[in-house]
C-alpha atoms as a PDB file:
ATOM      1  CA  MET A   1     -14.884  35.040  -3.774  1.00  0.00           C
ATOM      2  CA  THR A   2     -15.018  31.511  -4.133  1.00  0.00           C
ATOM      3  CA  ALA A   3     -16.582  28.266  -2.198  1.00  0.00           C
ATOM      4  CA  GLU A   4     -13.264  27.362  -0.776  1.00  0.00           C
ATOM      5  CA  LEU A   5     -12.949  31.254   0.729  1.00  0.00           C
ATOM      6  CA  ILE A   6     -16.651  31.339   2.232  1.00  0.00           C
ATOM      7  CA  HIS A   7     -15.937  27.011   2.980  1.00  0.00           C
ATOM      8  CA  PRO A   8     -12.741  26.174   3.515  1.00  0.00           C
ATOM      9  CA  LEU A   9     -12.136  22.588   2.568  1.00  0.00           C
ATOM     10  CA  PRO A  10     -11.970  19.593   5.638  1.00  0.00           C
ATOM     11  CA  GLU A  11      -8.385  18.858   6.772  1.00  0.00           C
ATOM     12  CA  ALA A  12      -6.351  16.090   5.088  1.00  0.00           C
ATOM     13  CA  PRO A  13      -7.368  12.771   7.385  1.00  0.00           C
ATOM     14  CA  ALA A  14      -4.538  11.653   8.858  1.00  0.00           C
ATOM     15  CA  PRO A  15      -2.234   8.754   7.453  1.00  0.00           C
ATOM     16  CA  VAL A  16      -2.672   5.921   9.511  1.00  0.00           C
ATOM     17  CA  GLU A  17       0.405   4.428  11.359  1.00  0.00           C
ATOM     18  CA  LEU A  18       1.809   1.394  10.924  1.00  0.00           C
ATOM     19  CA  PRO A  19       2.973  -0.946  14.671  1.00  0.00           C
ATOM     20  CA  ALA A  20       7.229  -1.523  14.040  1.00  0.00           C
ATOM     21  CA  PRO A  21       8.186  -4.357  12.809  1.00  0.00           C
ATOM     22  CA  GLN A  22       9.460  -6.653  15.934  1.00  0.00           C
ATOM     23  CA  ALA A  23      13.342  -6.871  15.699  1.00  0.00           C
ATOM     24  CA  GLY A  24      14.759  -9.390  13.898  1.00  0.00           C
ATOM     25  CA  ARG A  25      11.196 -11.050  12.265  1.00  0.00           C
ATOM     26  CA  SER A  26       9.997  -9.793   8.491  1.00  0.00           C
ATOM     27  CA  THR A  27       7.594  -9.132   7.456  1.00  0.00           C
ATOM     28  CA  VAL A  28       7.141 -12.195   5.514  1.00  0.00           C
ATOM     29  CA  ASP A  29       7.678 -14.427   8.351  1.00  0.00           C
ATOM     30  CA  ARG A  30       4.986 -12.963  10.100  1.00  0.00           C
ATOM     31  CA  LEU A  31       2.952 -13.629   7.406  1.00  0.00           C
ATOM     32  CA  LEU A  32       3.774 -17.389   7.322  1.00  0.00           C
ATOM     33  CA  ASP A  33       2.995 -17.984  11.336  1.00  0.00           C
ATOM     34  CA  SER A  34      -0.159 -16.191  10.987  1.00  0.00           C
ATOM     35  CA  ILE A  35      -0.940 -18.222   8.013  1.00  0.00           C
ATOM     36  CA  ASP A  36       0.502 -21.324  10.232  1.00  0.00           C
ATOM     37  CA  ASP A  37      -1.782 -20.628  13.225  1.00  0.00           C
ATOM     38  CA  LEU A  38      -5.147 -20.283  11.357  1.00  0.00           C
ATOM     39  CA  VAL A  39      -4.891 -23.772   9.520  1.00  0.00           C
ATOM     40  CA  ARG A  40      -3.676 -25.309  12.686  1.00  0.00           C
ATOM     41  CA  ARG A  41      -6.372 -23.531  14.191  1.00  0.00           C
ATOM     42  CA  HIS A  42      -9.152 -25.148  11.145  1.00  0.00           C
ATOM     43  CA  ARG A  43      -8.108 -28.103  11.491  1.00  0.00           C
ATOM     44  CA  ALA A  44      -9.331 -28.367  15.358  1.00  0.00           C
ATOM     45  CA  LEU A  45     -12.350 -27.389  14.651  1.00  0.00           C
ATOM     46  CA  ALA A  46     -12.737 -29.742  11.878  1.00  0.00           C
ATOM     47  CA  ALA A  47     -11.403 -32.543  13.484  1.00  0.00           C
ATOM     48  CA  HIS A  48     -14.172 -31.587  16.869  1.00  0.00           C
ATOM     49  CA  ASP A  49     -17.151 -30.719  15.583  1.00  0.00           C
ATOM     50  CA  GLY A  50     -16.792 -32.659  12.162  1.00  0.00           C
ATOM     51  CA  ALA A  51     -18.038 -29.086   9.434  1.00  0.00           C
ATOM     52  CA  SER A  52     -17.084 -30.579   6.033  1.00  0.00           C
ATOM     53  CA  ALA A  53     -14.141 -29.625   4.632  1.00  0.00           C
ATOM     54  CA  ALA A  54     -15.340 -27.258   2.202  1.00  0.00           C
ATOM     55  CA  LEU A  55     -17.150 -24.497   4.854  1.00  0.00           C
ATOM     56  CA  HIS A  56     -13.321 -24.831   6.802  1.00  0.00           C
ATOM     57  CA  ALA A  57     -11.850 -24.831   3.987  1.00  0.00           C
ATOM     58  CA  GLU A  58     -13.484 -20.954   3.149  1.00  0.00           C
ATOM     59  CA  LEU A  59     -12.830 -19.859   6.053  1.00  0.00           C
ATOM     60  CA  ILE A  60      -9.017 -20.889   5.359  1.00  0.00           C
ATOM     61  CA  ALA A  61      -9.033 -19.109   1.976  1.00  0.00           C
ATOM     62  CA  ALA A  62     -11.435 -15.805   3.619  1.00  0.00           C
ATOM     63  CA  GLU A  63      -8.448 -15.650   6.749  1.00  0.00           C
ATOM     64  CA  LEU A  64      -5.312 -15.881   4.575  1.00  0.00           C
ATOM     65  CA  ASP A  65      -7.665 -13.394   1.753  1.00  0.00           C
ATOM     66  CA  GLN A  66      -7.320 -11.143   4.821  1.00  0.00           C
ATOM     67  CA  GLN A  67      -3.472 -12.077   5.752  1.00  0.00           C
ATOM     68  CA  VAL A  68      -2.433 -11.103   1.911  1.00  0.00           C
ATOM     69  CA  ALA A  69      -4.498  -7.854   2.109  1.00  0.00           C
ATOM     70  CA  ILE A  70      -2.962  -6.509   5.678  1.00  0.00           C
ATOM     71  CA  LEU A  71       0.707  -7.503   3.813  1.00  0.00           C
ATOM     72  CA  ARG A  72      -0.172  -5.350   1.087  1.00  0.00           C
ATOM     73  CA  THR A  73      -0.954  -2.472   2.958  1.00  0.00           C
ATOM     74  CA  MET A  74       3.172  -2.513   4.861  1.00  0.00           C
ATOM     75  CA  PRO A  75       5.690  -0.815   2.877  1.00  0.00           C
ATOM     76  CA  ARG A  76       7.959  -2.284   1.018  1.00  0.00           C
ATOM     77  CA  GLN A  77      11.605  -3.104   2.111  1.00  0.00           C
ATOM     78  CA  PRO A  78      13.919  -3.390   0.316  1.00  0.00           C
ATOM     79  CA  GLY A  79      17.063  -5.454   0.448  1.00  0.00           C
ATOM     80  CA  ARG A  80      15.344  -8.039   2.434  1.00  0.00           C
END
C-alpha cells in the first residue's frame, strides 16, 4: 500500500472569499479614498505631536504598501 492510502492527504484550504464591491464604486475609487484618508490622518498627527516628517512619510509608505497588496489580491475587472 502507498502512503496516500494509509494516510490520506489533507484537504486544500477553502478559497478566501473577498467582500462584494459596493455598487457604483470601483476598486480604484476605494483605494484612492483610502490613500486620501491615510495622508489626512498622518498630516493631522504630525500637526499635533510635532513628530518628524520622515517618520510620518515612512508610516504613509508602509500603509500605502499594504493598500497596494490588498488591491493585488482582488480579481481583475475587465472593461473598467
